[in-house]
Protein backbone atom coordinates (compact mmCIF):
# COMPACT_ATOMS: atom_id res chain seq x y z
CA MET A 1 -62.31 114.82 -65.02
CA GLY A 2 -59.64 112.80 -66.65
CA GLU A 3 -56.77 114.15 -69.59
CA ASN A 4 -58.28 111.31 -72.04
CA GLN A 5 -61.77 113.13 -72.15
CA THR A 6 -61.13 115.87 -74.25
CA GLN A 7 -61.03 113.24 -76.88
CA ILE A 8 -64.96 112.67 -76.27
CA LYS A 9 -67.19 114.23 -78.48
CA PHE A 10 -70.99 114.50 -78.42
CA ILE A 11 -73.62 114.51 -80.93
CA LEU A 12 -76.51 117.00 -80.63
CA LEU A 13 -79.44 115.13 -82.45
CA GLY A 14 -81.15 118.34 -82.19
CA ILE A 15 -85.14 118.75 -82.83
CA THR A 16 -85.50 116.54 -85.40
CA ASP A 17 -83.42 113.84 -87.72
CA SER A 18 -85.55 114.80 -90.63
CA PRO A 19 -83.27 116.42 -93.27
CA ARG A 20 -86.58 118.03 -95.13
CA ALA A 21 -87.89 119.75 -92.15
CA GLN A 22 -84.06 121.24 -91.46
CA THR A 23 -84.66 124.17 -93.59
CA PRO A 24 -88.34 125.12 -93.12
CA LEU A 25 -87.44 125.07 -88.83
CA PHE A 26 -84.39 127.18 -89.19
CA VAL A 27 -86.42 129.83 -91.04
CA LEU A 28 -89.53 129.42 -88.65
CA PHE A 29 -87.42 130.15 -85.40
CA LEU A 30 -84.98 132.58 -87.33
CA LEU A 31 -88.74 134.43 -87.37
CA ILE A 32 -89.52 133.55 -83.93
CA TYR A 33 -85.76 134.89 -82.94
CA ILE A 34 -85.76 138.22 -84.46
CA VAL A 35 -89.43 138.83 -83.21
CA THR A 36 -88.66 138.23 -79.69
CA LEU A 37 -85.38 140.61 -79.80
CA MET A 38 -87.67 143.29 -81.32
CA GLY A 39 -90.77 142.81 -79.46
CA ASN A 40 -88.62 143.04 -75.90
CA VAL A 41 -86.18 145.66 -77.15
CA GLY A 42 -89.26 147.45 -78.15
CA ILE A 43 -91.20 146.61 -74.56
CA ILE A 44 -87.82 147.87 -73.15
CA THR A 45 -87.82 151.27 -74.80
CA LEU A 46 -91.26 151.81 -74.91
CA VAL A 47 -91.46 152.25 -71.24
CA ARG A 48 -88.09 154.21 -70.72
CA VAL A 49 -89.62 156.65 -73.01
CA SER A 50 -93.32 156.80 -71.66
CA PRO A 51 -93.74 158.60 -67.88
CA SER A 52 -96.87 156.76 -67.96
CA LEU A 53 -95.67 153.65 -67.51
CA HIS A 54 -93.02 154.10 -64.97
CA THR A 55 -94.99 152.10 -62.51
CA PRO A 56 -93.73 148.90 -60.62
CA MET A 57 -95.51 146.70 -63.04
CA TYR A 58 -93.77 148.02 -65.90
CA PHE A 59 -90.11 148.05 -64.28
CA PHE A 60 -91.04 144.88 -63.42
CA LEU A 61 -91.62 143.90 -66.97
CA THR A 62 -88.68 145.49 -68.43
CA HIS A 63 -86.57 143.20 -66.43
CA PHE A 64 -88.62 140.18 -67.47
CA ALA A 65 -88.52 141.72 -71.18
CA PHE A 66 -84.53 141.81 -70.54
CA ILE A 67 -84.03 137.92 -69.31
CA ASP A 68 -86.44 137.18 -71.90
CA ILE A 69 -83.39 138.17 -74.52
CA CYS A 70 -81.16 136.38 -72.57
CA TYR A 71 -83.03 133.51 -72.52
CA SER A 72 -83.23 133.17 -76.88
CA THR A 73 -80.02 134.22 -77.22
CA VAL A 74 -78.26 131.67 -75.07
CA ILE A 75 -79.94 128.67 -76.87
CA SER A 76 -81.33 129.89 -80.64
CA PRO A 77 -77.92 130.89 -81.96
CA ARG A 78 -76.44 127.30 -81.52
CA MET A 79 -79.66 125.92 -82.40
CA LEU A 80 -80.08 127.72 -85.59
CA ALA A 81 -76.29 126.89 -86.77
CA ASP A 82 -77.04 123.28 -86.12
CA LEU A 83 -79.81 123.67 -88.71
CA LEU A 84 -77.73 124.17 -91.08
CA SER A 85 -74.55 122.36 -90.42
CA GLU A 86 -74.19 118.35 -91.35
CA ASP A 87 -72.06 118.10 -88.58
CA LYS A 88 -73.93 117.94 -85.25
CA THR A 89 -70.39 116.74 -83.55
CA ILE A 90 -69.32 118.64 -80.58
CA SER A 91 -66.16 118.10 -78.58
CA PHE A 92 -66.38 117.41 -74.93
CA THR A 93 -64.17 121.08 -74.39
CA ALA A 94 -67.23 122.93 -76.42
CA CYS A 95 -69.56 120.69 -74.98
CA MET A 96 -68.26 121.97 -71.34
CA MET A 97 -67.68 125.52 -72.50
CA GLN A 98 -71.23 125.85 -73.89
CA TYR A 99 -72.64 124.24 -70.82
CA LEU A 100 -70.91 127.20 -68.63
CA ILE A 101 -71.70 129.92 -70.94
CA LEU A 102 -75.47 128.90 -72.34
CA VAL A 103 -76.45 126.98 -69.31
CA PHE A 104 -75.12 129.38 -66.99
CA LEU A 105 -76.85 131.98 -68.43
CA PHE A 106 -80.42 129.75 -69.17
CA GLN A 107 -79.80 128.73 -65.40
CA LEU A 108 -79.70 132.17 -64.32
CA SER A 109 -81.91 133.87 -66.35
CA GLY A 110 -84.76 131.25 -65.84
CA ILE A 111 -84.52 130.80 -62.01
CA THR A 112 -84.45 134.82 -62.18
CA GLU A 113 -87.79 134.98 -64.90
CA CYS A 114 -89.32 132.58 -62.11
CA PHE A 115 -88.87 135.17 -59.55
CA LEU A 116 -89.69 138.16 -61.13
CA LEU A 117 -93.35 136.77 -62.20
CA ALA A 118 -93.53 136.28 -58.52
CA ALA A 119 -92.97 139.61 -57.83
CA MET A 120 -95.10 140.89 -60.31
CA ALA A 121 -97.77 138.54 -58.62
CA TYR A 122 -97.13 140.41 -55.20
CA ASP A 123 -96.94 143.78 -57.11
CA ARG A 124 -100.64 142.79 -58.33
CA TYR A 125 -101.82 141.60 -54.80
CA VAL A 126 -100.83 145.38 -53.71
CA ALA A 127 -102.23 146.74 -56.38
CA ILE A 128 -105.85 145.26 -55.83
CA CYS A 129 -106.42 144.12 -52.12
CA LEU A 130 -104.16 146.63 -50.79
CA PRO A 131 -105.09 150.26 -53.17
CA LEU A 132 -104.44 152.22 -50.60
CA LEU A 133 -100.76 151.47 -49.19
CA TYR A 134 -99.64 150.53 -52.74
CA PRO A 135 -97.94 153.91 -52.93
CA LEU A 136 -95.70 152.92 -49.49
CA VAL A 137 -95.19 149.44 -50.23
CA MET A 138 -94.44 149.12 -53.32
CA SER A 139 -91.46 152.09 -53.13
CA PRO A 140 -88.86 152.39 -55.66
CA LYS A 141 -86.47 150.53 -53.03
CA CYS A 142 -88.80 147.39 -52.26
CA CYS A 143 -89.10 147.41 -56.38
CA PHE A 144 -84.88 147.61 -56.79
CA GLN A 145 -84.76 144.80 -53.57
CA LEU A 146 -87.62 142.75 -55.39
CA VAL A 147 -85.49 142.39 -58.75
CA THR A 148 -82.18 142.14 -57.27
CA GLY A 149 -83.44 139.36 -55.24
CA SER A 150 -84.37 138.08 -57.74
CA TYR A 151 -81.59 138.31 -59.77
CA LEU A 152 -79.37 136.70 -56.74
CA MET A 153 -81.81 133.84 -56.70
CA GLY A 154 -80.77 132.99 -60.36
CA LEU A 155 -77.09 133.35 -59.95
CA THR A 156 -77.33 131.06 -56.86
CA ASN A 157 -78.90 128.11 -58.79
CA GLY A 158 -76.14 129.05 -61.66
CA VAL A 159 -73.37 128.69 -59.40
CA GLY A 160 -74.71 125.68 -58.23
CA GLN A 161 -75.53 123.59 -61.66
CA THR A 162 -72.18 124.78 -62.43
CA ILE A 163 -70.33 123.57 -59.42
CA SER A 164 -72.66 120.16 -59.65
CA MET A 165 -71.14 119.85 -63.48
CA SER A 166 -67.73 119.49 -62.30
CA THR A 167 -68.18 116.85 -60.48
CA LEU A 168 -68.92 114.86 -63.43
CA SER A 169 -66.69 112.48 -65.84
CA PHE A 170 -67.28 110.91 -69.07
CA CYS A 171 -65.29 108.04 -70.58
CA SER A 172 -66.82 107.51 -74.20
CA SER A 173 -68.70 109.69 -77.08
CA SER A 174 -72.31 109.72 -76.79
CA THR A 175 -75.34 111.43 -77.99
CA ILE A 176 -77.50 114.17 -76.60
CA ASP A 177 -81.02 113.63 -77.47
CA LEU A 178 -81.13 117.80 -77.63
CA PHE A 179 -80.05 120.57 -79.33
CA PHE A 180 -77.98 122.13 -76.39
CA CYS A 181 -75.79 121.11 -73.54
CA ASP A 182 -78.09 120.99 -71.11
CA ILE A 183 -77.32 119.36 -67.22
CA SER A 184 -80.29 116.49 -66.99
CA PRO A 185 -79.03 114.76 -70.39
CA LEU A 186 -75.30 114.96 -69.34
CA ILE A 187 -76.00 114.13 -66.11
CA SER A 188 -77.56 110.62 -67.45
CA LEU A 189 -74.10 110.45 -69.64
CA SER A 190 -71.94 110.91 -67.04
CA THR A 191 -69.65 107.29 -65.89
CA SER A 192 -69.03 108.92 -62.21
CA ASP A 193 -71.41 109.46 -58.91
CA THR A 194 -74.30 111.58 -60.08
CA THR A 195 -76.38 111.55 -56.63
CA LEU A 196 -74.72 114.81 -55.69
CA SER A 197 -75.88 116.64 -59.33
CA HIS A 198 -79.47 114.92 -59.24
CA ILE A 199 -80.25 116.60 -55.61
CA ILE A 200 -78.51 119.96 -56.86
CA LEU A 201 -80.94 119.50 -59.83
CA THR A 202 -83.82 118.49 -57.93
CA THR A 203 -83.65 120.95 -55.00
CA ALA A 204 -83.21 123.94 -57.74
CA ALA A 205 -86.64 122.90 -59.80
CA SER A 206 -88.33 122.11 -56.35
CA LEU A 207 -87.02 124.50 -53.63
CA LEU A 208 -86.55 127.97 -56.44
CA GLY A 209 -89.20 127.03 -58.74
CA VAL A 210 -91.87 125.81 -56.49
CA SER A 211 -91.51 128.32 -53.82
CA SER A 212 -91.82 131.44 -56.61
CA SER A 213 -94.61 129.66 -58.08
CA LEU A 214 -96.41 129.48 -54.80
CA VAL A 215 -95.69 133.05 -53.85
CA VAL A 216 -97.86 133.62 -57.84
CA LEU A 217 -99.99 131.02 -56.34
CA LEU A 218 -100.74 132.83 -52.65
CA SER A 219 -101.08 136.21 -54.33
CA TYR A 220 -103.81 135.18 -56.93
CA VAL A 221 -105.97 133.27 -53.62
CA ALA A 222 -105.67 136.22 -52.42
CA ILE A 223 -106.71 138.53 -55.57
CA ILE A 224 -109.47 136.56 -57.20
CA PRO A 225 -112.02 136.92 -53.97
CA THR A 226 -111.02 140.72 -53.62
CA ILE A 227 -111.99 141.34 -57.65
CA LEU A 228 -115.57 139.32 -56.79
CA SER A 229 -116.12 141.22 -54.05
CA ILE A 230 -115.99 144.54 -56.06
CA ASN A 231 -119.80 145.82 -56.62
CA SER A 232 -119.99 147.36 -60.79
CA ALA A 233 -118.84 144.92 -63.38
CA GLU A 234 -117.29 147.72 -64.48
CA GLY A 235 -114.90 147.96 -61.70
CA LYS A 236 -114.55 143.65 -62.03
CA ARG A 237 -113.33 143.90 -65.54
CA LYS A 238 -110.66 146.56 -64.83
CA ALA A 239 -109.39 144.41 -62.05
CA PHE A 240 -108.85 141.35 -64.05
CA SER A 241 -107.79 143.19 -67.26
CA THR A 242 -104.76 143.90 -64.87
CA CYS A 243 -103.94 140.35 -64.57
CA THR A 244 -104.79 138.82 -67.17
CA SER A 245 -101.17 139.41 -69.45
CA HIS A 246 -99.54 138.18 -66.36
CA LEU A 247 -101.58 134.99 -65.62
CA VAL A 248 -101.37 133.58 -69.31
CA THR A 249 -97.34 134.49 -69.27
CA VAL A 250 -97.47 132.53 -65.93
CA SER A 251 -99.10 129.81 -67.19
CA ILE A 252 -97.11 129.33 -70.49
CA PHE A 253 -93.98 129.39 -68.63
CA TYR A 254 -94.66 127.42 -65.67
CA GLY A 255 -96.31 124.75 -67.31
CA ALA A 256 -93.27 123.98 -69.84
CA SER A 257 -90.92 124.44 -66.73
CA PHE A 258 -92.49 121.92 -64.82
CA PHE A 259 -93.16 119.45 -67.25
CA MET A 260 -89.57 119.29 -68.74
CA TYR A 261 -87.98 119.16 -65.20
CA LEU A 262 -90.29 118.02 -62.62
CA PHE A 263 -91.40 114.96 -64.67
CA PRO A 264 -89.45 112.30 -65.20
CA SER A 265 -88.56 111.21 -68.91
CA SER A 266 -88.96 108.00 -71.24
CA HIS A 267 -87.88 107.32 -74.40
CA SER A 268 -91.20 107.91 -76.02
CA SER A 269 -91.86 111.54 -73.80
CA ARG A 270 -87.92 113.05 -75.11
CA GLY A 271 -89.94 114.52 -78.40
CA ALA A 272 -92.55 116.41 -76.16
CA ASP A 273 -89.22 117.33 -73.75
CA LYS A 274 -87.57 119.01 -76.47
CA TRP A 275 -90.38 121.08 -77.50
CA ALA A 276 -91.22 121.61 -74.14
CA VAL A 277 -87.65 123.10 -73.86
CA VAL A 278 -88.58 124.96 -77.49
CA LEU A 279 -91.75 126.23 -76.14
CA TYR A 280 -90.06 128.19 -73.24
CA THR A 281 -86.51 128.57 -74.66
CA MET A 282 -87.98 130.37 -77.70
CA VAL A 283 -91.65 130.84 -78.46
CA THR A 284 -92.97 132.19 -74.83
CA PRO A 285 -90.04 134.93 -74.58
CA MET A 286 -91.08 136.09 -78.32
CA LEU A 287 -94.89 135.59 -77.01
CA ASN A 288 -94.61 137.68 -73.77
CA PRO A 289 -93.78 141.37 -75.17
CA LEU A 290 -97.43 140.41 -77.62
CA ILE A 291 -99.43 139.38 -74.34
CA TYR A 292 -98.19 142.41 -72.42
CA SER A 293 -99.19 144.99 -75.30
CA LEU A 294 -102.16 143.69 -77.39
CA ARG A 295 -103.83 142.98 -74.45
CA ASN A 296 -102.98 145.86 -72.48
CA LYS A 297 -104.89 149.38 -72.56
CA GLU A 298 -101.81 151.54 -70.81
CA VAL A 299 -98.97 150.34 -73.36
CA LYS A 300 -101.25 150.75 -76.42
CA GLU A 301 -101.77 154.41 -75.32
CA ALA A 302 -98.53 154.51 -74.84
CA LEU A 303 -97.29 153.59 -78.05
CA ARG A 304 -99.95 155.55 -79.60
CA ARG A 305 -99.00 158.59 -78.00
CA LEU A 306 -95.09 158.02 -78.94
CA LEU A 307 -96.32 157.68 -82.26
CA LYS A 308 -97.90 160.91 -82.37
CA ILE A 309 -95.28 162.76 -80.76
CA LYS A 310 -92.65 161.14 -83.28
């Protein structure tokens, strides 16, 4: 990167260029962010203080909630500030710093969340398909290893994306049609050879994202026939109820992520891309604790006990 690049400025176009929409969107996304923090902190606290929730599934859920907090926090504050500011420019240095801080954590938390979803799917597979072996297979050591592996995968991806970004050069001020300095628009604006960056970005999305989703898919390929083979209707209902929250979360997260990173964008689809980013960086982290609390009898029962004790 040349010294003259410090004079370059980027313009973050944000979600919309309509002045009238700025304040309503600020209020909306501020409420979403507050609900996200309260919901996920609440889930973590409830699981920690409720002995009935000290199981592998809820152990994964607390880390999932923590990642959701990170996921939303590394994006929301800057977007909220830009919605109230008339100056949408960001210096080259500030953009690179935002990338190093925000996008590194964003990539770390994103891939970690993929593998946590895979770990939760594996947990449901063992619980439903191998119930007698569940205490042995899903031991505390195994759960710790699965969570640690998820964070390591996220860390590997974050380091790779940061290294690829350090090889890019820019020669003029440009606009970024997004609300933060993401790697995809920065690659498209770079004047240097972006082959390595494209390879790293595509490989990370394909290998890490697809491999984790494959674990989820294979788990449910085994789970569904097992549930269908249960004789009693009540047994089937209970088995399905333990999976529905996870399935809803998986569908929202992977659907938005694959739409954003695995399908090429055109000028006409950039608006849809922005809302896909909003969906999995802000809306999904807000919905996850609601999904797991409203559709889960164990969580609702633990909350009732806690409120009764207090």
